PDB file of N, CA and C in Angstrom:
ATOM      1  N   PRO A   1     104.419 123.438 112.867  1.00  0.00           N
ATOM      2  CA  PRO A   1     103.229 122.716 112.580  1.00  0.00           C
ATOM      3  C   PRO A   1     103.305 121.708 111.650  1.00  0.00           C
ATOM      4  N   PHE A   2     102.601 121.123 111.670  1.00  0.00           N
ATOM      5  CA  PHE A   2     102.475 119.464 110.908  1.00  0.00           C
ATOM      6  C   PHE A   2     101.640 119.386 109.825  1.00  0.00           C
ATOM      7  N   MET A   3     101.090 119.615 108.963  1.00  0.00           N
ATOM      8  CA  MET A   3     100.173 119.649 107.766  1.00  0.00           C
ATOM      9  C   MET A   3      99.679 118.146 107.315  1.00  0.00           C
ATOM     10  N   GLY A   4     100.403 117.594 107.315  1.00  0.00           N
ATOM     11  CA  GLY A   4     100.617 115.954 106.961  1.00  0.00           C
ATOM     12  C   GLY A   4     100.680 115.513 105.695  1.00  0.00           C
ATOM     13  N   ARG A   5     100.653 114.213 105.221  1.00  0.00           N
ATOM     14  CA  ARG A   5     100.580 114.132 103.648  1.00  0.00           C
ATOM     15  C   ARG A   5      98.874 113.662 103.471  1.00  0.00           C
ATOM     16  N   ARG A   6      98.946 113.721 101.986  1.00  0.00           N
ATOM     17  CA  ARG A   6      97.135 113.217 101.615  1.00  0.00           C
ATOM     18  C   ARG A   6      97.223 112.071 100.850  1.00  0.00           C
ATOM     19  N   ASP A   7      98.910 111.808 100.562  1.00  0.00           N
ATOM     20  CA  ASP A   7      98.831 110.893  99.675  1.00  0.00           C
ATOM     21  C   ASP A   7     100.545 110.033  99.753  1.00  0.00           C
ATOM     22  N   GLY A   8     100.638 108.895  99.155  1.00  0.00           N
ATOM     23  CA  GLY A   8     101.715 108.532  98.981  1.00  0.00           C
ATOM     24  C   GLY A   8     101.726 106.723  99.831  1.00  0.00           C
ATOM     25  N   PRO A   9     102.409 105.837  99.723  1.00  0.00           N
ATOM     26  CA  PRO A   9     102.590 104.540 100.059  1.00  0.00           C
ATOM     27  C   PRO A   9     101.710 104.651 101.927  1.00  0.00           C
ATOM     28  N   LEU A  10     102.339 105.255 102.396  1.00  0.00           N
ATOM     29  CA  LEU A  10     101.897 105.412 103.865  1.00  0.00           C
ATOM     30  C   LEU A  10     100.574 105.111 103.888  1.00  0.00           C
ATOM     31  N   ILE A  11     100.066 106.841 103.494  1.00  0.00           N
ATOM     32  CA  ILE A  11      98.859 107.208 103.599  1.00  0.00           C
ATOM     33  C   ILE A  11      97.351 105.981 102.763  1.00  0.00           C
ATOM     34  N   ASP A  12      97.848 105.786 101.867  1.00  0.00           N
ATOM     35  CA  ASP A  12      97.179 104.505 101.016  1.00  0.00           C
ATOM     36  C   ASP A  12      97.629 103.210 101.697  1.00  0.00           C
ATOM     37  N   ALA A  13      98.253 102.827 102.273  1.00  0.00           N
ATOM     38  CA  ALA A  13      98.072 101.440 103.041  1.00  0.00           C
ATOM     39  C   ALA A  13      97.470 101.838 104.477  1.00  0.00           C
ATOM     40  N   LEU A  14      97.521 102.596 105.153  1.00  0.00           N
ATOM     41  CA  LEU A  14      96.513 103.321 106.485  1.00  0.00           C
ATOM     42  C   LEU A  14      95.667 103.331 106.317  1.00  0.00           C
ATOM     43  N   SER A  15      94.834 103.600 104.917  1.00  0.00           N
ATOM     44  CA  SER A  15      93.411 104.669 104.359  1.00  0.00           C
ATOM     45  C   SER A  15      92.449 102.974 104.204  1.00  0.00           C
ATOM     46  N   ALA A  16      93.848 102.111 103.793  1.00  0.00           N
ATOM     47  CA  ALA A  16      93.353 100.895 102.760  1.00  0.00           C
ATOM     48  C   ALA A  16      93.013  99.403 104.182  1.00  0.00           C
ATOM     49  N   ALA A  17      93.867  99.636 105.248  1.00  0.00           N
ATOM     50  CA  ALA A  17      93.245  98.767 106.770  1.00  0.00           C
ATOM     51  C   ALA A  17      92.521  99.883 107.600  1.00  0.00           C
ATOM     52  N   HIS A  18      92.867 100.979 107.526  1.00  0.00           N
ATOM     53  CA  HIS A  18      91.309 101.532 108.069  1.00  0.00           C
ATOM     54  C   HIS A  18      90.250 100.756 107.712  1.00  0.00           C
ATOM     55  N   ALA A  19      89.958 101.278 105.912  1.00  0.00           N
ATOM     56  CA  ALA A  19      88.810 100.504 105.307  1.00  0.00           C
ATOM     57  C   ALA A  19      88.084  99.422 105.837  1.00  0.00           C
ATOM     58  N   LEU A  20      89.498  98.131 105.906  1.00  0.00           N
ATOM     59  CA  LEU A  20      89.027  97.078 105.848  1.00  0.00           C
ATOM     60  C   LEU A  20      88.445  96.673 107.793  1.00  0.00           C
ATOM     61  N   VAL A  21      89.093  97.491 108.255  1.00  0.00           N
ATOM     62  CA  VAL A  21      88.937  97.238 110.019  1.00  0.00           C
ATOM     63  C   VAL A  21      87.436  98.330 110.320  1.00  0.00           C
ATOM     64  N   ARG A  22      87.336  99.112 109.989  1.00  0.00           N
ATOM     65  CA  ARG A  22      86.012 100.113 109.510  1.00  0.00           C
ATOM     66  C   ARG A  22      84.860  99.756 109.158  1.00  0.00           C
ATOM     67  N   GLY A  23      85.159  99.306 107.601  1.00  0.00           N
ATOM     68  CA  GLY A  23      84.442  99.473 107.070  1.00  0.00           C
ATOM     69  C   GLY A  23      84.123 100.659 106.138  1.00  0.00           C
ATOM     70  N   ALA A  24      85.080 101.654 105.835  1.00  0.00           N
ATOM     71  CA  ALA A  24      84.899 102.755 105.311  1.00  0.00           C
ATOM     72  C   ALA A  24      86.313 103.716 105.699  1.00  0.00           C
ATOM     73  N   PRO A  25      86.792 104.309 104.440  1.00  0.00           N
ATOM     74  CA  PRO A  25      87.880 105.123 104.554  1.00  0.00           C
ATOM     75  C   PRO A  25      88.103 105.933 105.542  1.00  0.00           C
ATOM     76  N   PRO A  26      89.142 106.249 105.726  1.00  0.00           N
ATOM     77  CA  PRO A  26      89.391 107.602 106.955  1.00  0.00           C
ATOM     78  C   PRO A  26      89.009 108.949 106.855  1.00  0.00           C
ATOM     79  N   ALA A  27      88.299 109.918 107.573  1.00  0.00           N
ATOM     80  CA  ALA A  27      88.329 110.914 107.350  1.00  0.00           C
ATOM     81  C   ALA A  27      89.606 111.707 107.300  1.00  0.00           C
ATOM     82  N   LEU A  28      90.103 112.387 106.515  1.00  0.00           N
ATOM     83  CA  LEU A  28      91.480 113.505 107.011  1.00  0.00           C
ATOM     84  C   LEU A  28      90.754 114.557 107.136  1.00  0.00           C
ATOM     85  N   ALA A  29      91.960 114.628 107.961  1.00  0.00           N
ATOM     86  CA  ALA A  29      91.247 116.264 108.867  1.00  0.00           C
ATOM     87  C   ALA A  29      92.605 117.379 108.423  1.00  0.00           C
ATOM     88  N   VAL A  30      92.928 117.195 107.072  1.00  0.00           N
ATOM     89  CA  VAL A  30      94.190 117.766 107.081  1.00  0.00           C
ATOM     90  C   VAL A  30      94.102 119.381 107.013  1.00  0.00           C
ATOM     91  N   ASN A  31      92.720 119.510 106.401  1.00  0.00           N
ATOM     92  CA  ASN A  31      92.262 121.441 106.750  1.00  0.00           C
ATOM     93  C   ASN A  31      91.310 121.870 107.965  1.00  0.00           C
ATOM     94  N   ALA A  32      91.552 120.183 108.563  1.00  0.00           N
ATOM     95  CA  ALA A  32      90.468 120.851 110.109  1.00  0.00           C
ATOM     96  C   ALA A  32      91.239 121.596 110.668  1.00  0.00           C
ATOM     97  N   ARG A  33      90.063 122.498 111.667  1.00  0.00           N
ATOM     98  CA  ARG A  33      91.011 123.179 112.827  1.00  0.00           C
ATOM     99  C   ARG A  33      91.854 122.190 113.434  1.00  0.00           C
ATOM    100  N   GLN A  34      93.081 123.318 113.623  1.00  0.00           N
ATOM    101  CA  GLN A  34      93.948 122.204 114.650  1.00  0.00           C
ATOM    102  C   GLN A  34      94.163 122.738 115.970  1.00  0.00           C
ATOM    103  N   ARG A  35      94.313 121.562 117.154  1.00  0.00           N
ATOM    104  CA  ARG A  35      95.349 122.031 118.174  1.00  0.00           C
ATOM    105  C   ARG A  35      96.205 121.748 118.407  1.00  0.00           C
ATOM    106  N   GLY A  36      96.651 122.568 119.595  1.00  0.00           N
ATOM    107  CA  GLY A  36      97.870 122.306 119.900  1.00  0.00           C
ATOM    108  C   GLY A  36      98.597 120.710 120.591  1.00  0.00           C
ATOM    109  N   PHE A  37      99.455 120.116 119.987  1.00  0.00           N
ATOM    110  CA  PHE A  37     100.049 118.674 120.060  1.00  0.00           C
ATOM    111  C   PHE A  37     100.949 118.099 120.129  1.00  0.00           C
ATOM    112  N   VAL A  38     101.962 117.424 120.785  1.00  0.00           N
ATOM    113  CA  VAL A  38     103.081 117.247 120.569  1.00  0.00           C
ATOM    114  C   VAL A  38     103.529 116.088 119.729  1.00  0.00           C
ATOM    115  N   THR A  39     103.929 116.635 118.706  1.00  0.00           N
ATOM    116  CA  THR A  39     104.429 114.663 117.662  1.00  0.00           C
ATOM    117  C   THR A  39     105.764 114.762 117.213  1.00  0.00           C
ATOM    118  N   ASP A  40     106.238 114.207 116.768  1.00  0.00           N
ATOM    119  CA  ASP A  40     107.457 113.682 116.151  1.00  0.00           C
ATOM    120  C   ASP A  40     107.518 113.832 114.359  1.00  0.00           C
ATOM    121  N   ALA A  41     106.838 113.692 113.931  1.00  0.00           N
ATOM    122  CA  ALA A  41     106.171 113.739 112.505  1.00  0.00           C
ATOM    123  C   ALA A  41     106.570 114.546 111.462  1.00  0.00           C
ATOM    124  N   PRO A  42     107.030 116.053 112.513  1.00  0.00           N
ATOM    125  CA  PRO A  42     107.619 117.370 111.662  1.00  0.00           C
ATOM    126  C   PRO A  42     109.138 116.604 111.534  1.00  0.00           C
ATOM    127  N   VAL A  43     109.783 116.318 112.521  1.00  0.00           N
ATOM    128  CA  VAL A  43     110.865 115.921 112.590  1.00  0.00           C
ATOM    129  C   VAL A  43     111.071 114.331 111.734  1.00  0.00           C
ATOM    130  N   LEU A  44     110.303 113.814 111.337  1.00  0.00           N
ATOM    131  CA  LEU A  44     110.569 112.776 110.659  1.00  0.00           C
ATOM    132  C   LEU A  44     110.486 112.777 109.519  1.00  0.00           C
ATOM    133  N   GLU A  45     109.334 113.995 109.016  1.00  0.00           N
ATOM    134  CA  GLU A  45     109.374 114.278 108.213  1.00  0.00           C
ATOM    135  C   GLU A  45     110.651 114.846 107.422  1.00  0.00           C
ATOM    136  N   GLU A  46     111.257 116.066 107.920  1.00  0.00           N
ATOM    137  CA  GLU A  46     112.250 116.572 107.994  1.00  0.00           C
ATOM    138  C   GLU A  46     113.660 115.804 107.420  1.00  0.00           C
ATOM    139  N   HIS A  47     113.440 114.666 108.070  1.00  0.00           N
ATOM    140  CA  HIS A  47     114.570 113.386 107.444  1.00  0.00           C
ATOM    141  C   HIS A  47     114.115 112.617 106.732  1.00  0.00           C
ATOM    142  N   GLY A  48     113.238 112.720 105.931  1.00  0.00           N
ATOM    143  CA  GLY A  48     112.450 111.624 104.974  1.00  0.00           C
ATOM    144  C   GLY A  48     111.906 110.771 104.990  1.00  0.00           C
ATOM    145  N   ILE A  49     111.618 110.627 106.496  1.00  0.00           N
ATOM    146  CA  ILE A  49     110.846 109.312 106.843  1.00  0.00           C
ATOM    147  C   ILE A  49     109.124 109.962 107.096  1.00  0.00           C
ATOM    148  N   PRO A  50     108.344 109.669 106.144  1.00  0.00           N
ATOM    149  CA  PRO A  50     107.045 109.710 105.658  1.00  0.00           C
ATOM    150  C   PRO A  50     106.093 109.524 107.287  1.00  0.00           C
ATOM    151  N   SER A  51     105.420 110.427 106.991  1.00  0.00           N
ATOM    152  CA  SER A  51     104.551 110.491 108.709  1.00  0.00           C
ATOM    153  C   SER A  51     103.353 110.804 108.579  1.00  0.00           C
ATOM    154  N   VAL A  52     102.797 110.469 109.326  1.00  0.00           N
ATOM    155  CA  VAL A  52     101.108 110.571 109.519  1.00  0.00           C
ATOM    156  C   VAL A  52     100.736 110.781 110.766  1.00  0.00           C
ATOM    157  N   VAL A  53      99.963 111.683 111.630  1.00  0.00           N
ATOM    158  CA  VAL A  53      99.573 111.195 113.107  1.00  0.00           C
ATOM    159  C   VAL A  53      98.184 110.565 112.763  1.00  0.00           C
ATOM    160  N   TYR A  54      98.099 109.621 113.494  1.00  0.00           N
ATOM    161  CA  TYR A  54      96.661 108.952 113.269  1.00  0.00           C
ATOM    162  C   TYR A  54      96.793 108.007 114.753  1.00  0.00           C
ATOM    163  N   GLY A  55      95.671 107.997 115.182  1.00  0.00           N
ATOM    164  CA  GLY A  55      95.307 107.125 116.651  1.00  0.00           C
ATOM    165  C   GLY A  55      93.520 106.968 116.914  1.00  0.00           C
ATOM    166  N   PRO A  56      93.738 106.159 118.054  1.00  0.00           N
ATOM    167  CA  PRO A  56      92.249 105.846 118.326  1.00  0.00           C
ATOM    168  C   PRO A  56      91.031 106.869 118.538  1.00  0.00           C
ATOM    169  N   GLY A  57      89.917 106.420 118.559  1.00  0.00           N
ATOM    170  CA  GLY A  57      89.014 107.173 119.293  1.00  0.00           C
ATOM    171  C   GLY A  57      88.664 108.595 118.251  1.00  0.00           C
ATOM    172  N   PRO A  58      87.887 109.372 118.585  1.00  0.00           N
ATOM    173  CA  PRO A  58      87.762 110.370 118.207  1.00  0.00           C
ATOM    174  C   PRO A  58      88.536 111.479 118.883  1.00  0.00           C
ATOM    175  N   TRP A  59      88.792 112.747 118.454  1.00  0.00           N
ATOM    176  CA  TRP A  59      89.551 113.389 118.893  1.00  0.00           C
ATOM    177  C   TRP A  59      88.928 114.188 119.933  1.00  0.00           C
ATOM    178  N   ARG A  60      89.763 114.021 121.568  1.00  0.00           N
ATOM    179  CA  ARG A  60      89.303 114.931 122.691  1.00  0.00           C
ATOM    180  C   ARG A  60      90.198 115.807 123.015  1.00  0.00           C
ATOM    181  N   TYR A  61      89.798 117.322 123.292  1.00  0.00           N
ATOM    182  CA  TYR A  61      90.899 117.868 123.894  1.00  0.00           C
ATOM    183  C   TYR A  61      90.076 118.631 125.200  1.00  0.00           C
ATOM    184  N   GLU A  62      90.107 117.821 126.378  1.00  0.00           N
ATOM    185  CA  GLU A  62      89.560 118.198 127.623  1.00  0.00           C
ATOM    186  C   GLU A  62      90.685 117.234 128.823  1.00  0.00           C
ATOM    187  N   PRO A  63      89.863 117.531 129.886  1.00  0.00           N
ATOM    188  CA  PRO A  63      90.367 116.945 131.063  1.00  0.00           C
ATOM    189  C   PRO A  63      89.897 115.648 131.288  1.00  0.00           C
ATOM    190  N   ASP A  64      90.392 114.624 131.795  1.00  0.00           N
ATOM    191  CA  ASP A  64      90.244 113.603 132.264  1.00  0.00           C
ATOM    192  C   ASP A  64      90.081 112.481 130.541  1.00  0.00           C
ATOM    193  N   GLU A  65      90.774 112.874 129.711  1.00  0.00           N
ATOM    194  CA  GLU A  65      90.873 112.442 128.141  1.00  0.00           C
ATOM    195  C   GLU A  65      90.731 110.897 127.788  1.00  0.00           C
ATOM    196  N   TYR A  66      90.054 110.180 127.555  1.00  0.00           N
ATOM    197  CA  TYR A  66      90.300 108.767 127.170  1.00  0.00           C
ATOM    198  C   TYR A  66      89.648 108.209 126.090  1.00  0.00           C
ATOM    199  N   ILE A  67      89.623 107.113 125.880  1.00  0.00           N
ATOM    200  CA  ILE A  67      89.259 106.222 124.275  1.00  0.00           C
ATOM    201  C   ILE A  67      88.903 105.447 125.242  1.00  0.00           C
ATOM    202  N   GLU A  68      87.559 104.183 124.318  1.00  0.00           N
ATOM    203  CA  GLU A  68      86.853 103.121 124.681  1.00  0.00           C
ATOM    204  C   GLU A  68      88.064 101.875 124.010  1.00  0.00           C
ATOM    205  N   LEU A  69      88.059 101.335 124.801  1.00  0.00           N
ATOM    206  CA  LEU A  69      88.650  99.842 124.495  1.00  0.00           C
ATOM    207  C   LEU A  69      88.874  99.356 123.042  1.00  0.00           C
ATOM    208  N   ASP A  70      87.088  99.508 122.893  1.00  0.00           N
ATOM    209  CA  ASP A  70      87.063  98.807 121.309  1.00  0.00           C
ATOM    210  C   ASP A  70      87.849  99.871 120.160  1.00  0.00           C
ATOM    211  N   GLU A  71      88.015 101.078 120.440  1.00  0.00           N
ATOM    212  CA  GLU A  71      88.875 101.906 119.809  1.00  0.00           C
ATOM    213  C   GLU A  71      90.234 101.477 119.581  1.00  0.00           C
ATOM    214  N   LEU A  72      90.712 100.950 121.065  1.00  0.00           N
ATOM    215  CA  LEU A  72      91.908 100.882 121.083  1.00  0.00           C
ATOM    216  C   LEU A  72      92.566  99.428 120.152  1.00  0.00           C
ATOM    217  N   LEU A  73      91.576  98.512 120.144  1.00  0.00           N
ATOM    218  CA  LEU A  73      91.539  97.411 119.608  1.00  0.00           C
ATOM    219  C   LEU A  73      91.433  97.694 118.472  1.00  0.00           C
ATOM    220  N   ALA A  74      90.512  98.128 117.600  1.00  0.00           N
ATOM    221  CA  ALA A  74      90.662  98.852 116.574  1.00  0.00           C
ATOM    222  C   ALA A  74      91.620  99.293 115.531  1.00  0.00           C
ATOM    223  N   ALA A  75      92.346 100.215 116.529  1.00  0.00           N
ATOM    224  CA  ALA A  75      93.628 100.746 116.253  1.00  0.00           C
ATOM    225  C   ALA A  75      94.792 100.106 116.139  1.00  0.00           C
ATOM    226  N   ALA A  76      94.895  98.947 117.233  1.00  0.00           N
ATOM    227  CA  ALA A  76      95.517  97.847 116.940  1.00  0.00           C
ATOM    228  C   ALA A  76      95.790  97.126 115.609  1.00  0.00           C
ATOM    229  N   ARG A  77      94.913  96.490 115.348  1.00  0.00           N
ATOM    230  CA  ARG A  77      94.363  95.866 114.205  1.00  0.00           C
ATOM    231  C   ARG A  77      94.599  96.902 112.846  1.00  0.00           C
ATOM    232  N   ILE A  78      94.163  98.285 112.764  1.00  0.00           N
ATOM    233  CA  ILE A  78      94.780  99.412 111.851  1.00  0.00           C
ATOM    234  C   ILE A  78      96.262  99.400 111.746  1.00  0.00           C
ATOM    235  N   TYR A  79      96.984  99.462 112.523  1.00  0.00           N
ATOM    236  CA  TYR A  79      98.501  99.630 112.667  1.00  0.00           C
ATOM    237  C   TYR A  79      98.975  98.207 111.658  1.00  0.00           C
ATOM    238  N   TYR A  80      98.424  96.827 112.476  1.00  0.00           N
ATOM    239  CA  TYR A  80      99.182  95.340 111.892  1.00  0.00           C
ATOM    240  C   TYR A  80      98.707  95.449 110.172  1.00  0.00           C
ATOM    241  N   GLY A  81      97.604  95.865 110.099  1.00  0.00           N
ATOM    242  CA  GLY A  81      97.509  96.033 108.809  1.00  0.00           C
ATOM    243  C   GLY A  81      97.991  96.710 108.069  1.00  0.00           C
ATOM    244  N   THR A  82      98.128  97.935 108.240  1.00  0.00           N
ATOM    245  CA  THR A  82      99.012  99.116 107.569  1.00  0.00           C
ATOM    246  C   THR A  82     100.689  98.425 107.454  1.00  0.00           C
ATOM    247  N   ALA A  83     100.760  97.941 108.246  1.00  0.00           N
ATOM    248  CA  ALA A  83     102.435  97.456 108.565  1.00  0.00           C
ATOM    249  C   ALA A  83     102.301  96.557 107.331  1.00  0.00           C
ATOM    250  N   LEU A  84     101.703  95.049 107.085  1.00  0.00           N
ATOM    251  CA  LEU A  84     101.585  93.932 106.586  1.00  0.00           C
ATOM    252  C   LEU A  84     100.862  94.754 105.067  1.00  0.00           C
ATOM    253  N   LEU A  85     100.119  95.802 104.829  1.00  0.00           N
ATOM    254  CA  LEU A  85      99.718  96.125 103.659  1.00  0.00           C
ATOM    255  C   LEU A  85     101.681  97.014 103.125  1.00  0.00           C
ATOM    256  N   LEU A  86     102.136  97.582 103.659  1.00  0.00           N
ATOM    257  CA  LEU A  86     103.369  98.032 103.288  1.00  0.00           C
ATOM    258  C   LEU A  86     104.336  97.265 103.002  1.00  0.00           C
ATOM    259  N   GLY A  87     104.681  96.284 103.652  1.00  0.00           N
ATOM    260  CA  GLY A  87     105.801  95.301 103.471  1.00  0.00           C
ATOM    261  C   GLY A  87     105.112  94.270 102.155  1.00  0.00           C
ATOM    262  N   SER A  88     103.832  94.345 102.033  1.00  0.00           N
ATOM    263  CA  SER A  88     103.375  93.551 100.430  1.00  0.00           C
ATOM    264  C   SER A  88     103.510  94.250  99.282  1.00  0.00           C
ATOM    265  N   GLY A  89     103.716  95.628  99.157  1.00  0.00           N
ATOM    266  CA  GLY A  89     104.167  96.620  98.498  1.00  0.00           C
ATOM    267  C   GLY A  89     102.620  97.621  98.082  1.00  0.00           C
ATOM    268  N   ILE A  90     101.348  97.184  98.733  1.00  0.00           N
ATOM    269  CA  ILE A  90     100.525  97.533  98.629  1.00  0.00           C
ATOM    270  C   ILE A  90     100.727  98.990  98.769  1.00  0.00           C
ATOM    271  N   GLY A  91     100.333 100.065  97.772  1.00  0.00           N
ATOM    272  CA  GLY A  91     100.159 101.798  97.389  1.00  0.00           C
ATOM    273  C   GLY A  91     101.908 102.064  97.074  1.00  0.00           C
ATOM    274  N   SER A  92     102.835 101.168  96.796  1.00  0.00           N
ATOM    275  CA  SER A  92     103.685 101.412  96.377  1.00  0.00           C
ATOM    276  C   SER A  92     104.505 101.291  95.193  1.00  0.00           C
ATOM    277  N   GLY A  93     103.207 100.868  94.509  1.00  0.00           N
ATOM    278  CA  GLY A  93     103.372 100.726  93.088  1.00  0.00           C
ATOM    279  C   GLY A  93     104.181  99.384  92.730  1.00  0.00           C
ATOM    280  N   GLY A  94     103.999  98.245  94.169  1.00  0.00           N
ATOM    281  CA  GLY A  94     104.748  96.988  93.987  1.00  0.00           C
ATOM    282  C   GLY A  94     103.859  96.063  93.889  1.00  0.00           C
TER     283      GLY A  94
END
C-alpha cells in the first residue's frame, strides 16, 4: 500500500503548479477510499525518493477508461511546472 506524502518540497511544487494551471490547489486523496492500482511509488519511497501518485483526469475504475485531451495537456503543463519549481528551489526552503 502507498499512503503518500502530505507535505514536503515535491508536494509543495506539485500543488503550486497545479494551482497555476487549474486555478485552485489540488484535492489530496490521502484519506480517500483506495482502489488497487500498480505504482512504483512505495519502492521509490522505500529507497528515499519522494513520490506522489498524480495524474490527469478524474479517477475512473471501469472498462474503457479514458481521459479528455485537455486533461492530458493540463497534466503535461503541471508536470513541467512542477519540475521548474523544484529546480528553482520552491518548496525546499531555498
